[in-house]
C-alpha atoms as a PDB file:
ATOM      1  CA  MET A   1      -0.005  -0.009  -0.033  1.00  0.00           C
ATOM      2  CA  MET A   2       2.854   2.293   0.832  1.00  0.00           C
ATOM      3  CA  TRP A   3       4.235   1.956  -2.832  1.00  0.00           C
ATOM      4  CA  ILE A   4       0.932   3.022  -4.171  1.00  0.00           C
ATOM      5  CA  LEU A   5       0.831   6.185  -2.059  1.00  0.00           C
ATOM      6  CA  LEU A   6       4.499   6.989  -2.906  1.00  0.00           C
ATOM      7  CA  ALA A   7       3.791   6.536  -6.585  1.00  0.00           C
ATOM      8  CA  ALA A   8       0.756   8.690  -6.356  1.00  0.00           C
ATOM      9  CA  GLY A   9       2.721  11.379  -4.498  1.00  0.00           C
ATOM     10  CA  LEU A  10       5.524  11.293  -7.088  1.00  0.00           C
ATOM     11  CA  CYS A  11       2.932  11.582  -9.888  1.00  0.00           C
ATOM     12  CA  LEU A  12       1.386  14.528  -8.380  1.00  0.00           C
ATOM     13  CA  ALA A  13       4.747  16.209  -7.695  1.00  0.00           C
ATOM     14  CA  GLY A  14       5.581  15.657 -11.404  1.00  0.00           C
ATOM     15  CA  LEU A  15       2.274  17.243 -12.501  1.00  0.00           C
ATOM     16  CA  ALA A  16       2.921  20.149 -10.357  1.00  0.00           C
ATOM     17  CA  VAL A  17       6.322  20.710 -11.820  1.00  0.00           C
ATOM     18  CA  LEU A  18       4.899  20.370 -15.468  1.00  0.00           C
ATOM     19  CA  GLY A  19       2.149  22.867 -14.398  1.00  0.00           C
ATOM     20  CA  VAL A  20       4.725  25.541 -13.231  1.00  0.00           C
ATOM     21  CA  ALA A  21       6.847  24.974 -16.348  1.00  0.00           C
ATOM     22  CA  GLY A  22       3.743  25.263 -18.496  1.00  0.00           C
ATOM     23  CA  ALA A  23       2.571  28.423 -16.902  1.00  0.00           C
ATOM     24  CA  ARG A  24       6.189  29.941 -17.339  1.00  0.00           C
ATOM     25  CA  VAL A  25       5.875  29.131 -21.091  1.00  0.00           C
ATOM     26  CA  VAL A  26       2.562  30.786 -21.363  1.00  0.00           C
ATOM     27  CA  VAL A  27       3.876  33.958 -19.726  1.00  0.00           C
ATOM     28  CA  ALA A  28       6.947  33.981 -21.877  1.00  0.00           C
ATOM     29  CA  ALA A  29       4.917  33.607 -25.017  1.00  0.00           C
ATOM     30  CA  ARG A  30       2.648  36.450 -24.047  1.00  0.00           C
ATOM     31  CA  ALA A  31       5.701  38.613 -23.421  1.00  0.00           C
ATOM     32  CA  LEU A  32       7.126  37.688 -26.688  1.00  0.00           C
ATOM     33  CA  ASN A  33       3.835  38.280 -28.429  1.00  0.00           C
ATOM     34  CA  ARG A  34       3.735  41.863 -26.814  1.00  0.00           C
ATOM     35  CA  GLN A  35       7.274  42.548 -28.170  1.00  0.00           C
ATOM     36  CA  ILE A  36       6.572  41.408 -31.688  1.00  0.00           C
ATOM     37  CA  ALA A  37       3.512  43.588 -31.729  1.00  0.00           C
ATOM     38  CA  HIS A  38       5.559  46.608 -30.586  1.00  0.00           C
ATOM     39  CA  VAL A  39       8.192  45.981 -33.267  1.00  0.00           C
ATOM     40  CA  ASN A  40       5.360  45.710 -35.929  1.00  0.00           C
ATOM     41  CA  GLN A  41       3.967  48.958 -34.591  1.00  0.00           C
ATOM     42  CA  GLN A  42       7.379  50.671 -35.037  1.00  0.00           C
ATOM     43  CA  PHE A  43       7.653  49.268 -38.659  1.00  0.00           C
ATOM     44  CA  ARG A  44       4.254  50.793 -39.447  1.00  0.00           C
ATOM     45  CA  VAL A  45       5.154  54.180 -37.992  1.00  0.00           C
ATOM     46  CA  LYS A  46       8.474  54.246 -39.970  1.00  0.00           C
ATOM     47  CA  GLU A  47       6.581  53.246 -43.241  1.00  0.00           C
ATOM     48  CA  ASP A  48       3.975  56.014 -42.561  1.00  0.00           C
ATOM     49  CA  ALA A  49       6.747  58.519 -42.118  1.00  0.00           C
ATOM     50  CA  LYS A  50       8.396  57.632 -45.463  1.00  0.00           C
ATOM     51  CA  GLY A  51       5.179  58.490 -47.229  1.00  0.00           C
END
């Protein structure tokens, strides 16, 4: 019985680690998306200034 509880605990710990890593990936992807949008905005402003 102890082995089953140990395995379940390790499984939950592994899922928690994956959840944290997944959340960090989502946050980084959103930050990257904001940076790309900002760069695209800068290119549009420069194109408008050229005429």
